[in-house]
Amino acid sequence: MIISLDIGGSAIKGAVASSPKNLAPLGRVATPPDDFDAFAAAIGRMAADAPAPPQAPIAIAITGVVDPATGMIKCANIPCVDGRHLGRELEERLSRPVLVANDADCFALAEAIEGAGRGHRIVFGAILGSGVGGGLVIDGRIVTGPGGFAGEWGHGPVAATSAGSPPMAIPHFPCGCGLRGCVNTIGGARGMELLHRHLHGIERPSTAIVAAWLAGDSEAARTIVCQIDLLASPLALAINIVGAGMVPVGGGLAQAPQFIASLDKEVRQRMLRRLDTPLVVPGQLSPDPGLVGAAILGFSERDT
């Protein structure tokens, strides 16, 4: 058995996996963001309460980037784990094996093995949540690359400075990574809200913007058209580079299938390979692809 955890900035979700396809939920608890002792204790309690052997391994999908060479994690959303060798430190405290991986990588792995990417050698998982992230899976294995940054198409100063028809000027907004003009600044839910404020001077949550767009609101439609225009070219370039056969999308914006269908249409018009069938599609494993991916990774590592 594997104890599978999906850890974000607000919550820790858990499940016990008897196989990669069979997960029994363990519930969720709040993530202690600033106290590592409390963070480790929360994981320890969830593992101890699980109907699993006392030494059952823990596989964790977590926000943040894990350096495969050092095991160190860079995690802005949970300050108490930032800069730590998280797997090793949790192993020492909990006296059981602990595997830690990036949540976008786990999403991509889950969709490649059990979801929308089944049957494809190369799967690129695109995350459109509060921001933009991604993960790359080739032949059923996560590709992390040096530093663990493979698949992170949301960062780098590549966002266009005009979008829509007729074109509207879009500044290069500052990104939390320290750069300006990252796709991350305009591509996720917070990016949608930022664009709407920039274009119309109105504060609206992304859910309200999407709902207004679907109801025929012209201002919301303008925001969505601009955002898809800004997203489609960088995503098409990423697909050209990695040769993805399928691109499952996770995160909050994946819950709007009309948005993903519009993005897919634009991406397929801008990439080299010509397709008449959808390529960019909502992930199939909502709401817990991180748990599924962590479980798959845990079983694969245990069996090697």
Foldseek 3Di string as FASTA:
>chain_A
DEWEWEDELFKIWIWDDPALVDTHTLGMDTAQQADVVVNLVVVLVSLVPDPDPLQHEYFYAYAFFAFPVPCATDHPSRVNRHGHSVQVVSCVVSVYGYHYHHLQQLLQLLCCPPKDNDPWQWEKEWEAALFTFIWIHGNSHTDQPGRRRPNGLQDDQDFDQWFDVVTDGRFFDADPVGDTNGLRCQAHQNNLQVLLCVVPVDGDGSVVLLVCVVVPNPSSVRSLRRNLRRPQQSVLVSCQVRVTQAYAYHYDVLVRQVSQVVSQVSNQVNHDDHDPDGRYHHIDDPPPSSRSSSSNVVVVVVVD
